[in-house]
Structure formats: structure tokens, C-alpha cells
């Protein structure tokens, strides 16, 4: 706090105010002047003075003014500290976003040497970091694993739980166990090692590249759509069990379908079907089915990017409230 008179021998108070404004310092100036010098007082206030006192000085009024000025300075200081903390948090979230995006496969086509299938995927997080994830990986030369999942909750806790779930699922899947056994093991580990109260819905499938057979198991997730080369669109039968991370001793059934050359699978999270418009109508499974029927013969990037555009157009003017994640596979034959 600076307490200064307007009339001073070397530099007057009004000039001092201009000099103070050039300093990168948190300060407040209180001006002292004669009672009848209102023109200079107004000039001082216009140049940034916080308050003023008139002569003769009332020392009780001076004490109150000093206290009020110091309180204002403390409030400003706390605001600057909060701003610095917010900037640091935003930087950390930006780094977390980069890390999360690097966890998910981003290179397409992911296996350019393989001519038996095509894969494309995209996640659009609702926040800096999200709870959805997708993955695909070669188990061996004849099998590829496909995963899409949605962690309950939002933000950093969901992102951490997502990373843990993805790591557990992939590590278990690469041991060549069946989809049902894989989900049973992951569920048991999540229940034992996490007390966050979060859970994850998930689809895990294994494509047998030589035959087109897909073994799969679902943990509380929306079943994917089968995109038939003939143009038919049907939801895959639900086979599996309940969500992962809640009840330790769950069992998970295994379903099977056979893809013909040209057939595909469209996997998605509920950020697609539960997106809403201004009237609280949901995008819904029927609307997604109708879209897929119109575009199923297109390339996989066109299908997924088109679906993202369709959802955004449906929710025009509203903020995105949930992660939007999709993965598509097309079987081309062995």
C-alpha cells in the first residue's frame, strides 16, 4: 500500500500515480489532499488511486482506510494465487490429455501389412481427459482383439481408472484366454485393487482372421452393430455379464458370430446414443441404426467421422456432456 500526498516538493502525487501504474507490482495507492482540492482528487482516482483522505487527517478514518486497502490487497493476492493455480492445473490437464491420447492407438491403418481386415477408431472427450477408451491388438498372427469401454464418472479420476482398466484388459487378453475368462479376471482384479467406487462397461471381442469368427463378451456395455455387406444392420446378441469393478465373483458368457467378407462391426459408447438436443430428446439407437443404414457401404473413416458430425449436428448449441467414442472393423476375408 502506498500512502502519498498530492503536493510534494520533488514529484507530485499525480505524477507518482502514473509511475506506479508502470510497475508490475500488486499495490494500491491512497491519496492525501486538501479538502477543497476535489479536481485533483478526481484526477487521482481516474489515474488509479484506490481511495483518498482529506486534510486535516482524521486518524480513526485513516486507520479504517488502511484496513480496507490492505483487505483489498489481500483479496487481490488470493485471486492471483488462485489464477496461478488454475493455470498450473490447465497445464497439467493439457499434459494429461496428451498422455491419454498417446495411450490410445492413433495411427491408421494400424496394420498396413494385413490385408484381411480394416480398423478405424476415434474418441472425442467431453473434458480435457475422458473415461472412454478403445483398443485393438494382435494376439497372434491369426487373432486380433477389439475393445471399447466406458468408465463411470468424468475427469481425472475416470481417466486414471480408464488407464488401469485398459492395461489390465490388454495384459490379460494377450495371454490368449477366452473373452469371458478375460473379463472375469479383469473384474476380479478391479474389485480387489480399486476402492474408487468407479466401474467400467466394456465389450471385448476376438476376431479369428482365417475364419471371420468373432468370439466376444460384454460387461454391461451396448452391443455393437453388425454391418452386413448386403446392407443389413443388426445389433449383436448380448452375451456376457454385468459391469466390471462392482461384484468380484461375476461370470461372463461368450457369444459368437461369423463375419463374411465385407461385413463389419461398429462399436460405440453411450456418448453417441445419449447425446441430447435442446428439447432433451436423445440421439438414440434407432437414429444411430438409421444413420448406419445410410452410410454402411462407406469407408470406415467416413462412417465414424460422419457419426461424430451427425451427433454434433443433433446437439447443436449444447455443450458435449459425455465422451463420444467409436471403433469400426471391416472383415475383408483371409
Protein backbone atom coordinates (compact mmCIF):
# COMPACT_ATOMS: atom_id res chain seq x y z
CA UNK A 1 0.00 0.00 0.00
CA UNK A 2 1.26 3.47 -0.90
CA UNK A 3 0.09 6.50 1.11
CA UNK A 4 1.02 9.76 -0.58
CA UNK A 5 0.14 13.44 -0.66
CA UNK A 6 -0.71 15.15 -3.94
CA UNK A 7 1.52 18.15 -3.15
CA UNK A 8 5.17 17.10 -2.74
CA UNK A 9 8.41 19.01 -3.46
CA UNK A 10 10.19 16.70 -5.97
CA UNK A 11 7.38 14.72 -7.62
CA UNK A 12 3.70 15.47 -7.13
CA UNK A 13 1.30 12.67 -6.22
CA UNK A 14 -0.45 12.65 -9.61
CA UNK A 15 2.86 12.00 -11.41
CA UNK A 16 3.68 9.33 -8.83
CA UNK A 17 0.42 7.54 -9.67
CA UNK A 18 1.48 7.37 -13.34
CA UNK A 19 4.86 5.92 -12.35
CA UNK A 20 3.25 3.37 -10.03
CA UNK A 21 0.98 2.17 -12.85
CA UNK A 22 4.08 1.26 -14.85
CA UNK A 23 5.34 -1.12 -12.15
CA UNK A 24 4.49 -4.82 -12.34
CA UNK A 25 3.67 -4.88 -8.65
CA UNK A 26 0.47 -5.56 -6.74
CA UNK A 27 -0.22 -2.29 -4.91
CA UNK A 28 -2.93 0.19 -4.01
CA UNK A 29 -2.42 3.93 -3.59
CA UNK A 30 -4.25 6.17 -1.10
CA UNK A 31 -4.04 9.89 -1.85
CA UNK A 32 -3.98 12.69 0.76
CA UNK A 33 -5.09 16.16 -0.29
CA UNK A 34 -6.70 19.34 0.93
CA UNK A 35 -10.44 19.30 1.43
CA UNK A 36 -11.08 21.87 -1.28
CA UNK A 37 -8.84 20.17 -3.89
CA UNK A 38 -11.59 17.99 -5.41
CA UNK A 39 -10.41 18.45 -9.01
CA UNK A 40 -7.01 16.88 -8.20
CA UNK A 41 -8.70 14.17 -6.16
CA UNK A 42 -10.88 13.23 -9.16
CA UNK A 43 -7.79 13.17 -11.37
CA UNK A 44 -6.04 10.92 -8.86
CA UNK A 45 -8.95 8.49 -8.79
CA UNK A 46 -9.03 8.43 -12.60
CA UNK A 47 -5.31 7.59 -12.59
CA UNK A 48 -5.84 4.55 -10.38
CA UNK A 49 -5.88 5.74 -6.78
CA UNK A 50 -7.83 3.30 -4.60
CA UNK A 51 -9.07 5.85 -2.05
CA UNK A 52 -8.35 9.32 -0.72
CA UNK A 53 -8.13 11.22 2.58
CA UNK A 54 -8.60 14.94 3.13
CA UNK A 55 -6.72 17.23 5.47
CA UNK A 56 -6.84 17.67 8.36
CA UNK A 57 -6.41 13.91 8.80
CA UNK A 58 -8.92 12.06 10.98
CA UNK A 59 -6.70 9.27 12.33
CA UNK A 60 -9.63 6.97 13.02
CA UNK A 61 -10.68 7.41 9.39
CA UNK A 62 -7.04 6.80 8.36
CA UNK A 63 -6.98 3.51 10.27
CA UNK A 64 -10.23 2.37 8.64
CA UNK A 65 -8.94 3.35 5.17
CA UNK A 66 -5.64 1.49 5.68
CA UNK A 67 -7.50 -1.60 6.89
CA UNK A 68 -9.88 -1.52 3.91
CA UNK A 69 -6.97 -1.06 1.47
CA UNK A 70 -4.96 -3.92 2.95
CA UNK A 71 -8.04 -6.17 2.81
CA UNK A 72 -8.46 -5.31 -0.89
CA UNK A 73 -4.80 -6.13 -1.49
CA UNK A 74 -5.20 -9.47 0.31
CA UNK A 75 -8.25 -10.32 -1.81
CA UNK A 76 -6.36 -9.47 -5.00
CA UNK A 77 -3.37 -11.51 -3.88
CA UNK A 78 -5.58 -14.52 -3.20
CA UNK A 79 -7.20 -14.06 -6.62
CA UNK A 80 -3.79 -14.00 -8.32
CA UNK A 81 -2.73 -17.12 -6.44
CA UNK A 82 -5.94 -18.87 -7.50
CA UNK A 83 -5.31 -17.79 -11.10
CA UNK A 84 -1.76 -19.18 -10.97
CA UNK A 85 -3.07 -22.44 -9.55
CA UNK A 86 -5.72 -22.60 -12.28
CA UNK A 87 -3.10 -22.01 -14.99
CA UNK A 88 -0.92 -24.75 -13.47
CA UNK A 89 -3.92 -27.10 -13.38
CA UNK A 90 -4.78 -26.30 -17.00
CA UNK A 91 -1.19 -27.06 -17.98
CA UNK A 92 -1.33 -30.37 -16.11
CA UNK A 93 -4.67 -31.22 -17.77
CA UNK A 94 -3.18 -30.42 -21.16
CA UNK A 95 -0.32 -32.80 -20.43
CA UNK A 96 -2.81 -35.42 -19.17
CA UNK A 97 -4.80 -35.03 -22.40
CA UNK A 98 -1.66 -35.64 -24.46
CA UNK A 99 -0.76 -38.67 -22.37
CA UNK A 100 -4.26 -40.13 -22.65
CA UNK A 101 -4.38 -39.59 -26.39
CA UNK A 102 -0.97 -41.24 -26.74
CA UNK A 103 -2.29 -44.30 -24.84
CA UNK A 104 -4.98 -44.87 -27.46
CA UNK A 105 -3.95 -46.13 -30.92
CA UNK A 106 -3.84 -43.15 -33.27
CA UNK A 107 -2.14 -44.49 -36.40
CA UNK A 108 -4.44 -45.67 -39.20
CA UNK A 109 -4.26 -48.08 -40.84
CA UNK A 110 -2.70 -49.71 -37.75
CA UNK A 111 -1.52 -52.87 -39.52
CA UNK A 112 -0.85 -51.82 -43.13
CA UNK A 113 0.70 -55.20 -43.96
CA UNK A 114 -2.51 -57.04 -43.13
CA UNK A 115 -4.99 -57.30 -45.98
CA UNK A 116 -7.65 -59.35 -44.16
CA UNK A 117 -9.31 -56.51 -42.21
CA UNK A 118 -9.58 -52.76 -41.76
CA UNK A 119 -9.90 -50.82 -38.47
CA UNK A 120 -10.64 -47.21 -37.61
CA UNK A 121 -11.49 -45.55 -34.27
CA UNK A 122 -11.96 -42.13 -32.69
CA UNK A 123 -12.59 -40.70 -29.21
CA UNK A 124 -13.89 -37.16 -28.63
CA UNK A 125 -13.58 -36.45 -24.87
CA UNK A 126 -16.19 -34.24 -23.19
CA UNK A 127 -13.48 -32.76 -20.96
CA UNK A 128 -9.71 -32.44 -21.15
CA UNK A 129 -9.48 -36.10 -20.20
CA UNK A 130 -12.13 -38.77 -20.57
CA UNK A 131 -13.20 -42.13 -19.22
CA UNK A 132 -13.86 -43.86 -22.54
CA UNK A 133 -11.26 -45.94 -24.30
CA UNK A 134 -10.83 -48.20 -27.27
CA UNK A 135 -8.06 -50.59 -28.20
CA UNK A 136 -7.10 -53.25 -30.73
CA UNK A 137 -4.09 -55.53 -30.77
CA UNK A 138 -2.81 -58.67 -32.47
CA UNK A 139 -2.93 -61.57 -30.04
CA UNK A 140 -1.04 -63.69 -32.58
CA UNK A 141 -0.87 -63.95 -36.36
CA UNK A 142 -4.40 -65.35 -36.59
CA UNK A 143 -6.31 -63.36 -33.94
CA UNK A 144 -6.92 -59.70 -33.21
CA UNK A 145 -8.54 -58.30 -30.06
CA UNK A 146 -11.07 -55.44 -30.14
CA UNK A 147 -12.07 -53.39 -27.10
CA UNK A 148 -14.33 -50.44 -26.37
CA UNK A 149 -15.19 -49.29 -22.86
CA UNK A 150 -16.79 -46.53 -20.81
CA UNK A 151 -15.76 -45.73 -17.23
CA UNK A 152 -18.38 -44.25 -14.92
CA UNK A 153 -17.70 -40.69 -13.87
CA UNK A 154 -15.79 -37.91 -15.58
CA UNK A 155 -12.48 -36.08 -15.48
CA UNK A 156 -9.17 -37.14 -13.96
CA UNK A 157 -10.45 -39.96 -11.66
CA UNK A 158 -12.22 -41.62 -14.59
CA UNK A 159 -9.12 -41.19 -16.78
CA UNK A 160 -6.91 -42.89 -14.19
CA UNK A 161 -9.40 -45.75 -13.80
CA UNK A 162 -9.57 -45.97 -17.60
CA UNK A 163 -5.80 -46.36 -17.89
CA UNK A 164 -5.76 -49.06 -15.22
CA UNK A 165 -8.68 -50.95 -16.82
CA UNK A 166 -7.13 -50.81 -20.27
CA UNK A 167 -3.76 -52.06 -19.03
CA UNK A 168 -5.37 -54.96 -17.13
CA UNK A 169 -7.56 -55.93 -20.07
CA UNK A 170 -4.75 -55.91 -22.64
CA UNK A 171 -2.29 -57.75 -20.39
CA UNK A 172 -4.87 -60.45 -19.70
CA UNK A 173 -6.05 -60.68 -23.32
CA UNK A 174 -2.52 -61.30 -24.57
CA UNK A 175 -2.36 -64.48 -22.51
CA UNK A 176 -4.81 -65.94 -25.08
CA UNK A 177 -7.67 -66.60 -22.67
CA UNK A 178 -11.27 -66.51 -23.95
CA UNK A 179 -13.18 -63.20 -23.81
CA UNK A 180 -15.32 -64.45 -20.92
CA UNK A 181 -12.33 -65.59 -18.88
CA UNK A 182 -10.54 -62.33 -19.67
CA UNK A 183 -13.40 -60.23 -18.32
CA UNK A 184 -13.74 -62.46 -15.25
CA UNK A 185 -10.07 -61.94 -14.41
CA UNK A 186 -10.13 -58.16 -15.06
CA UNK A 187 -13.29 -57.77 -12.97
CA UNK A 188 -11.74 -59.63 -10.05
CA UNK A 189 -8.58 -57.50 -10.14
CA UNK A 190 -10.52 -54.23 -10.38
CA UNK A 191 -12.73 -55.19 -7.42
CA UNK A 192 -9.70 -56.08 -5.31
CA UNK A 193 -7.40 -53.21 -6.23
CA UNK A 194 -9.70 -50.20 -6.60
CA UNK A 195 -11.82 -48.57 -3.89
CA UNK A 196 -12.72 -45.52 -6.00
CA UNK A 197 -16.37 -46.54 -6.41
CA UNK A 198 -15.95 -46.38 -10.19
CA UNK A 199 -16.87 -49.15 -12.63
CA UNK A 200 -16.45 -49.78 -16.33
CA UNK A 201 -18.74 -51.10 -19.08
CA UNK A 202 -16.87 -52.93 -21.82
CA UNK A 203 -17.04 -55.00 -25.00
CA UNK A 204 -14.15 -57.34 -25.78
CA UNK A 205 -14.07 -59.42 -28.93
CA UNK A 206 -11.54 -61.65 -30.70
CA UNK A 207 -11.62 -61.86 -34.49
CA UNK A 208 -10.27 -65.14 -35.88
CA UNK A 209 -8.73 -63.79 -39.05
CA UNK A 210 -8.77 -67.02 -41.08
CA UNK A 211 -12.43 -67.85 -40.47
CA UNK A 212 -14.11 -64.50 -39.74
CA UNK A 213 -15.47 -65.84 -36.44
CA UNK A 214 -15.74 -63.31 -33.62
CA UNK A 215 -15.82 -64.51 -30.01
CA UNK A 216 -16.96 -61.79 -27.65
CA UNK A 217 -18.13 -60.99 -24.15
CA UNK A 218 -19.94 -57.87 -22.93
CA UNK A 219 -19.77 -56.30 -19.47
CA UNK A 220 -22.81 -54.01 -19.20
CA UNK A 221 -22.00 -52.27 -22.47
CA UNK A 222 -24.16 -51.55 -25.51
CA UNK A 223 -23.76 -54.42 -28.01
CA UNK A 224 -22.07 -53.43 -31.27
CA UNK A 225 -23.84 -53.37 -34.61
CA UNK A 226 -23.16 -55.95 -37.29
CA UNK A 227 -22.85 -54.14 -40.64
CA UNK A 228 -23.56 -56.78 -43.25
CA UNK A 229 -22.11 -56.48 -46.72
CA UNK A 230 -25.65 -56.99 -48.02
CA UNK A 231 -26.76 -53.80 -46.25
CA UNK A 232 -28.41 -55.27 -43.16
CA UNK A 233 -27.82 -53.61 -39.77
CA UNK A 234 -28.43 -55.66 -36.61
CA UNK A 235 -27.30 -55.38 -33.01
CA UNK A 236 -25.15 -58.28 -31.85
CA UNK A 237 -26.80 -60.53 -29.26
CA UNK A 238 -25.89 -59.58 -25.68
CA UNK A 239 -23.63 -62.24 -24.17
CA UNK A 240 -21.57 -61.58 -21.08
CA UNK A 241 -22.42 -60.27 -17.63
CA UNK A 242 -22.59 -57.13 -15.52
CA UNK A 243 -20.23 -54.16 -15.39
CA UNK A 244 -16.62 -54.60 -14.25
CA UNK A 245 -15.43 -53.44 -10.84
CA UNK A 246 -18.54 -53.91 -8.68
CA UNK A 247 -19.10 -57.58 -7.74
CA UNK A 248 -15.99 -59.75 -7.58
CA UNK A 249 -17.37 -63.21 -8.42
CA UNK A 250 -19.11 -62.43 -11.71
CA UNK A 251 -19.10 -64.90 -14.57
CA UNK A 252 -19.17 -63.78 -18.22
CA UNK A 253 -20.73 -65.71 -21.08
CA UNK A 254 -19.18 -65.82 -24.54
CA UNK A 255 -21.07 -65.07 -27.76
CA UNK A 256 -20.06 -65.95 -31.31
CA UNK A 257 -20.81 -64.53 -34.74
CA UNK A 258 -19.19 -65.16 -38.12
CA UNK A 259 -18.29 -62.27 -40.39
CA UNK A 260 -18.48 -62.77 -44.13
CA UNK A 261 -16.06 -60.84 -46.38
CA UNK A 262 -17.31 -57.24 -46.46
CA UNK A 263 -19.13 -57.49 -43.12
CA UNK A 264 -18.18 -55.14 -40.33
CA UNK A 265 -18.66 -54.30 -36.65
CA UNK A 266 -19.50 -50.86 -35.28
CA UNK A 267 -18.64 -50.41 -31.58
CA UNK A 268 -19.67 -47.29 -29.66
CA UNK A 269 -20.18 -45.81 -26.20
CA UNK A 270 -23.34 -44.21 -24.84
CA UNK A 271 -21.96 -40.73 -25.50
CA UNK A 272 -23.30 -41.35 -29.02
CA UNK A 273 -26.81 -42.60 -28.33
CA UNK A 274 -27.40 -40.50 -25.17
CA UNK A 275 -26.43 -37.16 -26.71
CA UNK A 276 -29.44 -34.86 -26.41
CA UNK A 277 -30.91 -31.93 -28.32
CA UNK A 278 -32.38 -28.70 -26.94
CA UNK A 279 -35.67 -30.49 -26.19
CA UNK A 280 -33.93 -33.26 -24.22
CA UNK A 281 -34.54 -35.84 -26.96
CA UNK A 282 -31.81 -38.50 -27.11
CA UNK A 283 -29.92 -39.32 -30.27
CA UNK A 284 -30.95 -42.96 -29.52
CA UNK A 285 -30.23 -46.38 -31.01
CA UNK A 286 -32.93 -46.09 -33.73
CA UNK A 287 -31.40 -42.86 -35.01
CA UNK A 288 -27.92 -44.45 -34.98
CA UNK A 289 -29.27 -47.51 -36.81
CA UNK A 290 -30.88 -45.32 -39.45
CA UNK A 291 -27.61 -43.42 -39.94
CA UNK A 292 -25.61 -46.65 -40.26
CA UNK A 293 -28.05 -47.98 -42.86
CA UNK A 294 -27.43 -44.87 -44.96
CA UNK A 295 -23.66 -44.98 -44.72
CA UNK A 296 -22.67 -48.62 -44.08
CA UNK A 297 -21.07 -49.06 -47.51
CA UNK A 298 -18.75 -46.08 -46.97
CA UNK A 299 -15.16 -46.29 -45.76
CA UNK A 300 -14.61 -46.75 -42.03
CA UNK A 301 -13.24 -43.20 -41.50
CA UNK A 302 -16.29 -41.82 -43.33
CA UNK A 303 -18.63 -43.88 -41.13
CA UNK A 304 -17.07 -42.78 -37.84
CA UNK A 305 -16.42 -39.16 -38.77
CA UNK A 306 -19.92 -38.99 -40.23
CA UNK A 307 -21.37 -40.33 -36.97
CA UNK A 308 -19.47 -37.70 -34.96
CA UNK A 309 -20.83 -34.97 -37.26
CA UNK A 310 -24.34 -36.42 -37.00
CA UNK A 311 -24.26 -36.36 -33.19
CA UNK A 312 -22.83 -32.84 -33.08
CA UNK A 313 -25.45 -31.59 -35.51
CA UNK A 314 -28.17 -33.21 -33.41
CA UNK A 315 -26.85 -31.44 -30.27
CA UNK A 316 -26.16 -28.08 -31.93
CA UNK A 317 -25.83 -25.29 -29.37
CA UNK A 318 -25.42 -27.61 -26.39
CA UNK A 319 -22.16 -28.50 -24.63
CA UNK A 320 -20.91 -32.06 -25.03
CA UNK A 321 -21.68 -33.85 -21.75
CA UNK A 322 -20.15 -37.27 -22.36
CA UNK A 323 -17.24 -38.77 -24.25
CA UNK A 324 -18.02 -39.88 -27.80
CA UNK A 325 -16.09 -42.99 -28.77
CA UNK A 326 -16.43 -45.33 -31.75
CA UNK A 327 -14.49 -48.21 -33.29
CA UNK A 328 -15.25 -49.88 -36.58
CA UNK A 329 -13.84 -53.06 -38.15
CA UNK A 330 -14.43 -54.47 -41.60
CA UNK A 331 -13.53 -58.08 -42.41
CA UNK A 332 -12.13 -58.48 -45.92
CA UNK A 333 -11.53 -62.22 -45.88
CA UNK A 334 -8.45 -64.37 -45.41
